[in-house]
Every structure is written in structure tokens, then in C-alpha cells.
């Protein structure tokens, strides 16, 4: 915020560096779930970049992709899709079909289709991106691995557990080898595999991975980091599914307490976990009363 104010005063509101600062601030708002503030800034940046650099300039297209991401984060699928299609088509025309930015646009559109339950369309795009990235960048390139992880998510969302698991194990092993066991992307892969196990009722296998991910994130990122808090919430769900109600409640309470402090009370993850916690506490209270009355 301070850098942005200085750049506006010294360089002017439409200077590329000022616009970059505004875009970074919008991305920060987006990560915090402050959708309204993110959207307002992103719309401003898009309009100024269109005027200063032109509609097809890479920076303009990046800003449009950022706004689409904000729409996607709010579940505004129609608005996200419209922007993503525009960005994708312009990037194809300007940079070519196999350019990394074009492939990123296609992957984002696939994610929007997945969010709408349009599995077939999502899968077709994800396979296309994955195969192109394998050919252009190599099988172990981070972008290729991201594509494989996206396709695995589409399989998981459809309940195609075997296919999801096979891809997730591949991605996890390659990320361990390429980036190391404690890299954030490796840990995300492990968390996805744990979710696949959980959805199949393989709770012990899910728990082993979730504990490992949570403890590693605590050590590497800190206990209050958003990714660590996500791990805490996931493990709490697994413990509850195992009937370990008190442990699940304690962990979810700590998770929600940190999320309210770090992410804020209105962040989607905070709202979701707080609602879950209230439901668990109500159920626990009923169970206690029933036990006392027996």
C-alpha cells in the first residue's frame, strides 16, 4: 500500500510501475478473500492498461486473467468464463497456441468448467494442456505437474478415485524428486492424495499423510500460515470421521481461532470452518446430554 501511494505521487497513476503495484495489491486482497476490494482494483487496472498499452498487451491480459480469478474465487462462473475465453483467444492469436501463457489460460478455463461440474469439458482441456506441456516443457516441468494435478482434481470430483490416485501418486513422487519433500507444491500433492484416500474411506492412510503435511507446514511455514491452517482443518475432518470427536473439536477450534486472526472472520475458509465447528459443537452437546440422561 505504501509503495503504491509513493508510485502514484512520483510516477503518476497510469505509469506501468504504479499499475503493477495496484495489481499486486489486488492479488493480495484476492488471497485474503477480500473480493470486493480486489475486483475494484482489478477493474481499474484493466481499464488503464487497455488505454495505455492496448487490449492485447500481455500486462492487460494478465490483469483480465486476475479479475477472472477473482470471479472464480467467488463462484461467479459466467463472468469468469467470459473473461477467460477472451484472454485465451487473444493469447492464442498474439503468442501462439503452445505459449506458456496461452496454456495457463486454457488451464484456468478448465478450472472454471470444473467448478461448474462441466467435467467432460474440463477434462478435454486439461488433457490437451497436459500433453502439450509434456511435449514442450518435459514431463517433470512444474507447469506439466500442475496440469497433471488439475486433471487428477477433475477425476476426484467425479469420484474416479483410481484414476485420480494414479495421477496424484505420479505428481507427488516427481515433485519430491524435483523440488524436495518439503516444497509447498510437494506438500499440496500429498494433501490431494490424502483427500482421495479420505473420500474412499481409507481414513488411516489419509491421516498418516495429513499429519505429515501439517507437521511439515508448521515447521517450514509456521503454525499460523494459511496452508498450515488448511492442513489442520483437513486432519480435523479425518479425526471426526474416525470417531475421535474430542481431538477433532480441539483441532478445529484452534484452526478457526487462527483463521479469524490471520484471514479475517469473513474469509470463505473461516466462514466454512466456523460453520462446521458450530455444527460439531452442537452435535457434541446433544451427545453429552443423551449420555447423561441414560
C-alpha atoms as a PDB file:
ATOM      1  CA  UNK A   1       0.000   0.000   0.000  1.00  0.00           C
ATOM      2  CA  UNK A   2       2.860   2.418   0.901  1.00  0.00           C
ATOM      3  CA  UNK A   3       4.721   1.603  -2.343  1.00  0.00           C
ATOM      4  CA  UNK A   4       1.532   2.190  -4.321  1.00  0.00           C
ATOM      5  CA  UNK A   5       0.995   5.635  -2.743  1.00  0.00           C
ATOM      6  CA  UNK A   6       4.570   6.680  -3.453  1.00  0.00           C
ATOM      7  CA  UNK A   7       4.427   5.479  -7.058  1.00  0.00           C
ATOM      8  CA  UNK A   8       1.124   7.283  -7.680  1.00  0.00           C
ATOM      9  CA  UNK A   9       2.622  10.522  -6.337  1.00  0.00           C
ATOM     10  CA  UNK A  10       6.026  10.253  -8.040  1.00  0.00           C
ATOM     11  CA  UNK A  11       5.284   8.388 -11.280  1.00  0.00           C
ATOM     12  CA  UNK A  12       1.603   9.088 -11.848  1.00  0.00           C
ATOM     13  CA  UNK A  13      -1.449   6.825 -11.708  1.00  0.00           C
ATOM     14  CA  UNK A  14      -1.060   5.317 -15.178  1.00  0.00           C
ATOM     15  CA  UNK A  15       2.678   4.555 -15.050  1.00  0.00           C
ATOM     16  CA  UNK A  16       3.389   0.821 -15.606  1.00  0.00           C
ATOM     17  CA  UNK A  17       5.082   0.516 -12.186  1.00  0.00           C
ATOM     18  CA  UNK A  18       2.076   2.100 -10.464  1.00  0.00           C
ATOM     19  CA  UNK A  19      -0.270  -0.279 -12.276  1.00  0.00           C
ATOM     20  CA  UNK A  20       1.920  -3.244 -11.267  1.00  0.00           C
ATOM     21  CA  UNK A  21       1.670  -2.152  -7.616  1.00  0.00           C
ATOM     22  CA  UNK A  22      -2.106  -1.924  -7.906  1.00  0.00           C
ATOM     23  CA  UNK A  23      -2.213  -5.398  -9.477  1.00  0.00           C
ATOM     24  CA  UNK A  24      -0.068  -6.858  -6.662  1.00  0.00           C
ATOM     25  CA  UNK A  25      -2.326  -5.266  -4.045  1.00  0.00           C
ATOM     26  CA  UNK A  26      -5.402  -6.687  -5.806  1.00  0.00           C
ATOM     27  CA  UNK A  27      -3.804 -10.161  -5.758  1.00  0.00           C
ATOM     28  CA  UNK A  28      -3.177  -9.768  -2.012  1.00  0.00           C
ATOM     29  CA  UNK A  29      -6.815  -8.834  -1.463  1.00  0.00           C
ATOM     30  CA  UNK A  30      -7.853 -11.863  -3.541  1.00  0.00           C
ATOM     31  CA  UNK A  31      -5.687 -14.199  -1.453  1.00  0.00           C
ATOM     32  CA  UNK A  32      -7.331 -12.808   1.684  1.00  0.00           C
ATOM     33  CA  UNK A  33     -10.817 -13.369   0.304  1.00  0.00           C
ATOM     34  CA  UNK A  34     -11.434  -9.600   0.099  1.00  0.00           C
ATOM     35  CA  UNK A  35     -13.219  -9.985  -3.208  1.00  0.00           C
ATOM     36  CA  UNK A  36     -14.883  -6.567  -3.445  1.00  0.00           C
ATOM     37  CA  UNK A  37     -11.621  -4.677  -2.912  1.00  0.00           C
ATOM     38  CA  UNK A  38      -9.752  -6.983  -5.310  1.00  0.00           C
ATOM     39  CA  UNK A  39     -12.382  -6.558  -8.022  1.00  0.00           C
ATOM     40  CA  UNK A  40     -12.458  -2.748  -7.747  1.00  0.00           C
ATOM     41  CA  UNK A  41      -8.688  -2.505  -8.138  1.00  0.00           C
ATOM     42  CA  UNK A  42      -8.535  -5.070 -10.937  1.00  0.00           C
ATOM     43  CA  UNK A  43     -11.209  -3.286 -12.974  1.00  0.00           C
ATOM     44  CA  UNK A  44      -9.279  -0.007 -12.593  1.00  0.00           C
ATOM     45  CA  UNK A  45      -6.016  -1.627 -13.677  1.00  0.00           C
ATOM     46  CA  UNK A  46      -7.626  -3.296 -16.707  1.00  0.00           C
ATOM     47  CA  UNK A  47      -9.182  -0.065 -17.942  1.00  0.00           C
ATOM     48  CA  UNK A  48      -5.957   1.916 -17.522  1.00  0.00           C
ATOM     49  CA  UNK A  49      -3.810  -0.788 -19.143  1.00  0.00           C
ATOM     50  CA  UNK A  50      -6.222  -1.016 -22.085  1.00  0.00           C
ATOM     51  CA  UNK A  51      -5.959   2.742 -22.549  1.00  0.00           C
ATOM     52  CA  UNK A  52      -2.166   2.959 -22.049  1.00  0.00           C
ATOM     53  CA  UNK A  53      -0.896  -0.317 -23.571  1.00  0.00           C
ATOM     54  CA  UNK A  54      -3.770  -1.684 -25.634  1.00  0.00           C
ATOM     55  CA  UNK A  55      -6.213  -4.557 -25.168  1.00  0.00           C
ATOM     56  CA  UNK A  56      -3.856  -7.304 -26.364  1.00  0.00           C
ATOM     57  CA  UNK A  57      -0.766  -6.257 -24.392  1.00  0.00           C
ATOM     58  CA  UNK A  58       0.489  -9.064 -22.090  1.00  0.00           C
ATOM     59  CA  UNK A  59       0.040  -6.871 -18.984  1.00  0.00           C
ATOM     60  CA  UNK A  60      -3.569  -6.107 -19.943  1.00  0.00           C
ATOM     61  CA  UNK A  61      -4.254  -9.806 -20.472  1.00  0.00           C
ATOM     62  CA  UNK A  62      -2.642 -10.630 -17.113  1.00  0.00           C
ATOM     63  CA  UNK A  63      -4.976  -8.123 -15.434  1.00  0.00           C
ATOM     64  CA  UNK A  64      -8.002  -9.655 -17.128  1.00  0.00           C
ATOM     65  CA  UNK A  65      -6.869 -13.109 -16.001  1.00  0.00           C
ATOM     66  CA  UNK A  66      -6.544 -11.775 -12.438  1.00  0.00           C
ATOM     67  CA  UNK A  67     -10.110 -10.439 -12.480  1.00  0.00           C
ATOM     68  CA  UNK A  68     -11.323 -13.784 -13.857  1.00  0.00           C
ATOM     69  CA  UNK A  69      -9.595 -15.479 -10.925  1.00  0.00           C
ATOM     70  CA  UNK A  70     -11.440 -13.175  -8.512  1.00  0.00           C
ATOM     71  CA  UNK A  71     -14.747 -14.070 -10.172  1.00  0.00           C
ATOM     72  CA  UNK A  72     -13.838 -17.763  -9.965  1.00  0.00           C
ATOM     73  CA  UNK A  73     -12.989 -17.451  -6.281  1.00  0.00           C
ATOM     74  CA  UNK A  74     -16.473 -16.061  -5.636  1.00  0.00           C
ATOM     75  CA  UNK A  75     -18.193 -18.734  -7.708  1.00  0.00           C
ATOM     76  CA  UNK A  76     -19.179 -16.183 -10.387  1.00  0.00           C
ATOM     77  CA  UNK A  77     -18.652 -18.773 -13.088  1.00  0.00           C
ATOM     78  CA  UNK A  78     -20.315 -16.981 -16.005  1.00  0.00           C
ATOM     79  CA  UNK A  79     -18.263 -13.806 -15.542  1.00  0.00           C
ATOM     80  CA  UNK A  80     -15.069 -15.827 -15.048  1.00  0.00           C
ATOM     81  CA  UNK A  81     -15.710 -17.919 -18.147  1.00  0.00           C
ATOM     82  CA  UNK A  82     -16.408 -14.920 -20.388  1.00  0.00           C
ATOM     83  CA  UNK A  83     -13.139 -13.246 -19.389  1.00  0.00           C
ATOM     84  CA  UNK A  84     -11.099 -16.450 -19.572  1.00  0.00           C
ATOM     85  CA  UNK A  85     -12.338 -17.216 -23.089  1.00  0.00           C
ATOM     86  CA  UNK A  86     -11.411 -13.671 -24.180  1.00  0.00           C
ATOM     87  CA  UNK A  87      -7.929 -13.932 -22.650  1.00  0.00           C
ATOM     88  CA  UNK A  88      -7.364 -17.396 -24.095  1.00  0.00           C
ATOM     89  CA  UNK A  89      -8.374 -16.397 -27.632  1.00  0.00           C
ATOM     90  CA  UNK A  90      -6.242 -13.237 -27.573  1.00  0.00           C
ATOM     91  CA  UNK A  91      -3.224 -15.120 -26.213  1.00  0.00           C
ATOM     92  CA  UNK A  92      -3.627 -17.764 -28.920  1.00  0.00           C
ATOM     93  CA  UNK A  93      -3.657 -15.026 -31.553  1.00  0.00           C
ATOM     94  CA  UNK A  94      -0.819 -12.951 -30.064  1.00  0.00           C
ATOM     95  CA  UNK A  95       1.527 -15.587 -28.596  1.00  0.00           C
ATOM     96  CA  UNK A  96       0.525 -18.860 -30.238  1.00  0.00           C
ATOM     97  CA  UNK A  97      -1.337 -21.956 -29.046  1.00  0.00           C
ATOM     98  CA  UNK A  98       1.623 -23.527 -27.267  1.00  0.00           C
ATOM     99  CA  UNK A  99       2.916 -20.440 -25.440  1.00  0.00           C
ATOM    100  CA  UNK A 100       3.054 -20.920 -21.627  1.00  0.00           C
ATOM    101  CA  UNK A 101       0.646 -18.021 -21.059  1.00  0.00           C
ATOM    102  CA  UNK A 102      -1.852 -19.448 -23.549  1.00  0.00           C
ATOM    103  CA  UNK A 103      -1.672 -22.845 -21.839  1.00  0.00           C
ATOM    104  CA  UNK A 104      -2.199 -21.167 -18.457  1.00  0.00           C
ATOM    105  CA  UNK A 105      -5.346 -19.503 -19.837  1.00  0.00           C
ATOM    106  CA  UNK A 106      -6.668 -22.849 -21.072  1.00  0.00           C
ATOM    107  CA  UNK A 107      -5.933 -24.412 -17.667  1.00  0.00           C
ATOM    108  CA  UNK A 108      -7.816 -21.600 -15.884  1.00  0.00           C
ATOM    109  CA  UNK A 109     -10.826 -22.086 -18.167  1.00  0.00           C
ATOM    110  CA  UNK A 110     -10.710 -25.811 -17.386  1.00  0.00           C
ATOM    111  CA  UNK A 111     -10.757 -24.952 -13.670  1.00  0.00           C
ATOM    112  CA  UNK A 112     -13.868 -22.815 -14.221  1.00  0.00           C
ATOM    113  CA  UNK A 113     -15.563 -25.676 -16.071  1.00  0.00           C
ATOM    114  CA  UNK A 114     -14.627 -27.994 -13.186  1.00  0.00           C
ATOM    115  CA  UNK A 115     -16.131 -25.554 -10.696  1.00  0.00           C
ATOM    116  CA  UNK A 116     -19.405 -25.706 -12.614  1.00  0.00           C
ATOM    117  CA  UNK A 117     -19.410 -29.503 -12.751  1.00  0.00           C
ATOM    118  CA  UNK A 118     -18.743 -29.470 -16.506  1.00  0.00           C
ATOM    119  CA  UNK A 119     -16.403 -32.435 -16.147  1.00  0.00           C
ATOM    120  CA  UNK A 120     -16.143 -33.512 -19.773  1.00  0.00           C
ATOM    121  CA  UNK A 121     -15.203 -30.037 -20.993  1.00  0.00           C
ATOM    122  CA  UNK A 122     -12.733 -29.585 -18.134  1.00  0.00           C
ATOM    123  CA  UNK A 123     -11.125 -32.959 -18.778  1.00  0.00           C
ATOM    124  CA  UNK A 124     -10.721 -32.328 -22.521  1.00  0.00           C
ATOM    125  CA  UNK A 125      -8.915 -29.030 -21.897  1.00  0.00           C
ATOM    126  CA  UNK A 126      -6.769 -30.450 -19.097  1.00  0.00           C
ATOM    127  CA  UNK A 127      -5.625 -33.406 -21.190  1.00  0.00           C
ATOM    128  CA  UNK A 128      -4.806 -31.014 -24.042  1.00  0.00           C
ATOM    129  CA  UNK A 129      -2.742 -28.750 -21.755  1.00  0.00           C
ATOM    130  CA  UNK A 130      -1.005 -31.659 -20.050  1.00  0.00           C
ATOM    131  CA  UNK A 131       0.014 -33.346 -23.306  1.00  0.00           C
ATOM    132  CA  UNK A 132       1.241 -30.066 -24.822  1.00  0.00           C
ATOM    133  CA  UNK A 133       3.262 -29.216 -21.717  1.00  0.00           C
ATOM    134  CA  UNK A 134       4.796 -32.708 -21.662  1.00  0.00           C
ATOM    135  CA  UNK A 135       5.902 -32.260 -25.259  1.00  0.00           C
ATOM    136  CA  UNK A 136       7.069 -28.642 -24.975  1.00  0.00           C
ATOM    137  CA  UNK A 137       8.454 -28.443 -21.433  1.00  0.00           C
ATOM    138  CA  UNK A 138       9.045 -32.040 -20.383  1.00  0.00           C
ATOM    139  CA  UNK A 139       7.194 -34.382 -18.029  1.00  0.00           C
ATOM    140  CA  UNK A 140       8.821 -33.092 -14.823  1.00  0.00           C
ATOM    141  CA  UNK A 141       8.411 -29.364 -15.509  1.00  0.00           C
ATOM    142  CA  UNK A 142       6.400 -27.617 -12.751  1.00  0.00           C
ATOM    143  CA  UNK A 143       3.751 -26.484 -15.252  1.00  0.00           C
ATOM    144  CA  UNK A 144       3.323 -30.041 -16.539  1.00  0.00           C
ATOM    145  CA  UNK A 145       2.950 -31.321 -12.991  1.00  0.00           C
ATOM    146  CA  UNK A 146       0.345 -28.600 -12.308  1.00  0.00           C
ATOM    147  CA  UNK A 147      -1.618 -29.850 -15.332  1.00  0.00           C
ATOM    148  CA  UNK A 148      -1.481 -33.427 -14.102  1.00  0.00           C
ATOM    149  CA  UNK A 149      -2.671 -32.273 -10.662  1.00  0.00           C
ATOM    150  CA  UNK A 150      -5.568 -30.366 -12.242  1.00  0.00           C
ATOM    151  CA  UNK A 151      -6.659 -33.410 -14.213  1.00  0.00           C
ATOM    152  CA  UNK A 152      -6.439 -35.511 -11.043  1.00  0.00           C
ATOM    153  CA  UNK A 153      -8.769 -32.999  -9.328  1.00  0.00           C
ATOM    154  CA  UNK A 154     -11.285 -33.414 -12.138  1.00  0.00           C
ATOM    155  CA  UNK A 155     -11.138 -37.196 -11.728  1.00  0.00           C
ATOM    156  CA  UNK A 156     -11.502 -36.842  -7.934  1.00  0.00           C
ATOM    157  CA  UNK A 157     -14.500 -34.519  -8.242  1.00  0.00           C
ATOM    158  CA  UNK A 158     -16.207 -37.181 -10.377  1.00  0.00           C
ATOM    159  CA  UNK A 159     -15.436 -39.964  -7.912  1.00  0.00           C
ATOM    160  CA  UNK A 160     -12.970 -41.583 -10.329  1.00  0.00           C
ATOM    161  CA  UNK A 161     -10.727 -42.493  -7.420  1.00  0.00           C
ATOM    162  CA  UNK A 162      -8.406 -44.966  -9.122  1.00  0.00           C
ATOM    163  CA  UNK A 163      -7.527 -42.584 -11.949  1.00  0.00           C
ATOM    164  CA  UNK A 164      -7.130 -39.672  -9.518  1.00  0.00           C
ATOM    165  CA  UNK A 165      -4.892 -41.705  -7.228  1.00  0.00           C
ATOM    166  CA  UNK A 166      -2.622 -42.896 -10.047  1.00  0.00           C
ATOM    167  CA  UNK A 167      -2.016 -39.337 -11.247  1.00  0.00           C
ATOM    168  CA  UNK A 168      -1.614 -37.929  -7.736  1.00  0.00           C
ATOM    169  CA  UNK A 169       0.992 -40.521  -6.809  1.00  0.00           C
ATOM    170  CA  UNK A 170       2.925 -39.730 -10.011  1.00  0.00           C
ATOM    171  CA  UNK A 171       2.811 -35.990  -9.337  1.00  0.00           C
ATOM    172  CA  UNK A 172       3.801 -36.414  -5.697  1.00  0.00           C
ATOM    173  CA  UNK A 173       6.780 -38.634  -6.479  1.00  0.00           C
ATOM    174  CA  UNK A 174       8.040 -36.344  -9.254  1.00  0.00           C
ATOM    175  CA  UNK A 175       7.652 -33.248  -7.097  1.00  0.00           C
ATOM    176  CA  UNK A 176       9.554 -34.945  -4.268  1.00  0.00           C
ATOM    177  CA  UNK A 177      12.370 -35.745  -6.690  1.00  0.00           C
ATOM    178  CA  UNK A 178      12.407 -32.371  -8.476  1.00  0.00           C
ATOM    179  CA  UNK A 179      11.559 -29.900  -5.704  1.00  0.00           C
ATOM    180  CA  UNK A 180      12.169 -31.794  -2.470  1.00  0.00           C
ATOM    181  CA  UNK A 181       9.898 -33.322   0.161  1.00  0.00           C
ATOM    182  CA  UNK A 182       9.185 -30.051   1.953  1.00  0.00           C
ATOM    183  CA  UNK A 183       8.415 -27.859  -1.062  1.00  0.00           C
ATOM    184  CA  UNK A 184       4.919 -26.282  -0.923  1.00  0.00           C
ATOM    185  CA  UNK A 185       3.921 -27.944  -4.207  1.00  0.00           C
ATOM    186  CA  UNK A 186       5.027 -31.359  -2.942  1.00  0.00           C
ATOM    187  CA  UNK A 187       3.001 -30.869   0.223  1.00  0.00           C
ATOM    188  CA  UNK A 188      -0.043 -29.811  -1.830  1.00  0.00           C
ATOM    189  CA  UNK A 189       0.276 -33.025  -3.852  1.00  0.00           C
ATOM    190  CA  UNK A 190       0.374 -35.076  -0.660  1.00  0.00           C
ATOM    191  CA  UNK A 191      -2.709 -33.258   0.648  1.00  0.00           C
ATOM    192  CA  UNK A 192      -4.596 -34.024  -2.585  1.00  0.00           C
ATOM    193  CA  UNK A 193      -3.692 -37.709  -2.345  1.00  0.00           C
ATOM    194  CA  UNK A 194      -4.875 -37.731   1.271  1.00  0.00           C
ATOM    195  CA  UNK A 195      -8.216 -36.249   0.132  1.00  0.00           C
ATOM    196  CA  UNK A 196      -8.573 -39.052  -2.415  1.00  0.00           C
ATOM    197  CA  UNK A 197      -7.916 -41.630   0.308  1.00  0.00           C
ATOM    198  CA  UNK A 198     -10.407 -39.890   2.635  1.00  0.00           C
ATOM    199  CA  UNK A 199     -13.140 -39.930   0.019  1.00  0.00           C
ATOM    200  CA  UNK A 200     -12.662 -43.668  -0.384  1.00  0.00           C
ATOM    201  CA  UNK A 201     -12.943 -44.229   3.362  1.00  0.00           C
ATOM    202  CA  UNK A 202      -9.223 -45.055   3.625  1.00  0.00           C
ATOM    203  CA  UNK A 203      -9.003 -42.955   6.755  1.00  0.00           C
ATOM    204  CA  UNK A 204      -5.806 -44.363   8.248  1.00  0.00           C
ATOM    205  CA  UNK A 205      -3.851 -43.743   5.034  1.00  0.00           C
ATOM    206  CA  UNK A 206      -5.334 -40.243   4.802  1.00  0.00           C
ATOM    207  CA  UNK A 207      -4.433 -39.497   8.419  1.00  0.00           C
ATOM    208  CA  UNK A 208      -0.796 -40.587   8.064  1.00  0.00           C
ATOM    209  CA  UNK A 209      -0.290 -38.185   5.137  1.00  0.00           C
ATOM    210  CA  UNK A 210      -2.285 -35.330   6.707  1.00  0.00           C
ATOM    211  CA  UNK A 211      -0.268 -35.449   9.933  1.00  0.00           C
ATOM    212  CA  UNK A 212       2.952 -35.415   7.919  1.00  0.00           C
ATOM    213  CA  UNK A 213       1.783 -32.447   5.806  1.00  0.00           C
ATOM    214  CA  UNK A 214       0.553 -30.491   8.816  1.00  0.00           C
ATOM    215  CA  UNK A 215       3.725 -31.003  10.857  1.00  0.00           C
ATOM    216  CA  UNK A 216       5.964 -30.128   7.905  1.00  0.00           C
ATOM    217  CA  UNK A 217       3.979 -26.981   7.158  1.00  0.00           C
ATOM    218  CA  UNK A 218       4.143 -25.958  10.800  1.00  0.00           C
ATOM    219  CA  UNK A 219       7.918 -26.321  10.765  1.00  0.00           C
ATOM    220  CA  UNK A 220       8.525 -24.752   7.340  1.00  0.00           C
ATOM    221  CA  UNK A 221       5.778 -22.120   7.103  1.00  0.00           C
ATOM    222  CA  UNK A 222       4.728 -21.611  10.728  1.00  0.00           C
ATOM    223  CA  UNK A 223       1.605 -22.679  12.600  1.00  0.00           C
ATOM    224  CA  UNK A 224      -0.422 -19.636  11.535  1.00  0.00           C
ATOM    225  CA  UNK A 225       0.254 -19.851   7.782  1.00  0.00           C
ATOM    226  CA  UNK A 226      -2.970 -20.294   5.730  1.00  0.00           C
ATOM    227  CA  UNK A 227      -1.689 -23.570   4.216  1.00  0.00           C
ATOM    228  CA  UNK A 228      -0.927 -24.936   7.676  1.00  0.00           C
ATOM    229  CA  UNK A 229      -4.427 -23.993   8.802  1.00  0.00           C
ATOM    230  CA  UNK A 230      -5.909 -25.811   5.802  1.00  0.00           C
ATOM    231  CA  UNK A 231      -3.971 -28.908   6.880  1.00  0.00           C
ATOM    232  CA  UNK A 232      -5.322 -28.599  10.421  1.00  0.00           C
ATOM    233  CA  UNK A 233      -8.883 -28.421   9.113  1.00  0.00           C
ATOM    234  CA  UNK A 234      -8.378 -31.459   6.873  1.00  0.00           C
ATOM    235  CA  UNK A 235      -6.946 -33.531   9.713  1.00  0.00           C
ATOM    236  CA  UNK A 236      -9.808 -32.474  11.997  1.00  0.00           C
ATOM    237  CA  UNK A 237     -12.296 -33.841   9.434  1.00  0.00           C
ATOM    238  CA  UNK A 238     -10.408 -37.129   9.270  1.00  0.00           C
ATOM    239  CA  UNK A 239     -10.324 -37.492  13.054  1.00  0.00           C
ATOM    240  CA  UNK A 240     -14.046 -36.820  13.232  1.00  0.00           C
ATOM    241  CA  UNK A 241     -14.670 -39.463  10.563  1.00  0.00           C
ATOM    242  CA  UNK A 242     -12.662 -41.879  12.721  1.00  0.00           C
ATOM    243  CA  UNK A 243     -14.870 -41.088  15.715  1.00  0.00           C
ATOM    244  CA  UNK A 244     -12.143 -39.137  17.518  1.00  0.00           C
ATOM    245  CA  UNK A 245     -14.613 -36.374  18.333  1.00  0.00           C
ATOM    246  CA  UNK A 246     -12.775 -34.526  21.106  1.00  0.00           C
ATOM    247  CA  UNK A 247      -9.492 -34.395  19.172  1.00  0.00           C
ATOM    248  CA  UNK A 248     -11.345 -33.196  16.075  1.00  0.00           C
ATOM    249  CA  UNK A 249     -13.119 -30.469  18.035  1.00  0.00           C
ATOM    250  CA  UNK A 250      -9.928 -29.227  19.692  1.00  0.00           C
ATOM    251  CA  UNK A 251      -8.051 -29.065  16.400  1.00  0.00           C
ATOM    252  CA  UNK A 252     -10.892 -27.354  14.543  1.00  0.00           C
ATOM    253  CA  UNK A 253     -11.253 -24.791  17.357  1.00  0.00           C
ATOM    254  CA  UNK A 254      -7.576 -23.924  17.074  1.00  0.00           C
ATOM    255  CA  UNK A 255      -7.838 -23.790  13.292  1.00  0.00           C
ATOM    256  CA  UNK A 256     -10.828 -21.410  13.352  1.00  0.00           C
ATOM    257  CA  UNK A 257      -9.216 -19.224  16.028  1.00  0.00           C
ATOM    258  CA  UNK A 258      -6.113 -18.747  13.876  1.00  0.00           C
ATOM    259  CA  UNK A 259      -8.131 -18.265  10.681  1.00  0.00           C
ATOM    260  CA  UNK A 260     -10.177 -15.487  12.281  1.00  0.00           C
ATOM    261  CA  UNK A 261      -6.955 -13.743  13.329  1.00  0.00           C
ATOM    262  CA  UNK A 262      -4.950 -14.302  10.131  1.00  0.00           C
ATOM    263  CA  UNK A 263      -7.506 -14.466   7.302  1.00  0.00           C
ATOM    264  CA  UNK A 264     -10.256 -12.475   8.984  1.00  0.00           C
ATOM    265  CA  UNK A 265     -13.768 -13.506  10.088  1.00  0.00           C
ATOM    266  CA  UNK A 266     -15.271 -13.028   6.618  1.00  0.00           C
ATOM    267  CA  UNK A 267     -12.793 -15.098   4.598  1.00  0.00           C
ATOM    268  CA  UNK A 268     -14.562 -18.022   2.870  1.00  0.00           C
ATOM    269  CA  UNK A 269     -12.391 -20.633   4.633  1.00  0.00           C
ATOM    270  CA  UNK A 270     -13.008 -19.021   8.025  1.00  0.00           C
ATOM    271  CA  UNK A 271     -16.756 -18.884   7.400  1.00  0.00           C
ATOM    272  CA  UNK A 272     -16.857 -22.525   6.243  1.00  0.00           C
ATOM    273  CA  UNK A 273     -14.824 -23.932   9.144  1.00  0.00           C
ATOM    274  CA  UNK A 274     -16.630 -21.795  11.721  1.00  0.00           C
ATOM    275  CA  UNK A 275     -19.941 -23.172  10.474  1.00  0.00           C
ATOM    276  CA  UNK A 276     -18.537 -26.717  10.624  1.00  0.00           C
ATOM    277  CA  UNK A 277     -17.274 -26.138  14.165  1.00  0.00           C
ATOM    278  CA  UNK A 278     -20.665 -24.887  15.351  1.00  0.00           C
ATOM    279  CA  UNK A 279     -22.332 -27.966  13.902  1.00  0.00           C
ATOM    280  CA  UNK A 280     -19.819 -30.269  15.605  1.00  0.00           C
ATOM    281  CA  UNK A 281     -20.190 -28.466  18.930  1.00  0.00           C
ATOM    282  CA  UNK A 282     -23.987 -28.717  18.730  1.00  0.00           C
ATOM    283  CA  UNK A 283     -23.770 -32.427  17.937  1.00  0.00           C
ATOM    284  CA  UNK A 284     -21.278 -32.940  20.755  1.00  0.00           C
ATOM    285  CA  UNK A 285     -23.586 -31.161  23.191  1.00  0.00           C
ATOM    286  CA  UNK A 286     -26.519 -33.340  22.164  1.00  0.00           C
ATOM    287  CA  UNK A 287     -24.403 -36.472  22.545  1.00  0.00           C
ATOM    288  CA  UNK A 288     -23.283 -35.367  26.004  1.00  0.00           C
ATOM    289  CA  UNK A 289     -26.895 -34.729  27.082  1.00  0.00           C
ATOM    290  CA  UNK A 290     -28.035 -38.082  25.740  1.00  0.00           C
ATOM    291  CA  UNK A 291     -25.226 -39.860  27.583  1.00  0.00           C
ATOM    292  CA  UNK A 292     -26.018 -38.013  30.806  1.00  0.00           C
ATOM    293  CA  UNK A 293     -29.708 -38.969  30.584  1.00  0.00           C
ATOM    294  CA  UNK A 294     -29.088 -42.691  30.019  1.00  0.00           C
END
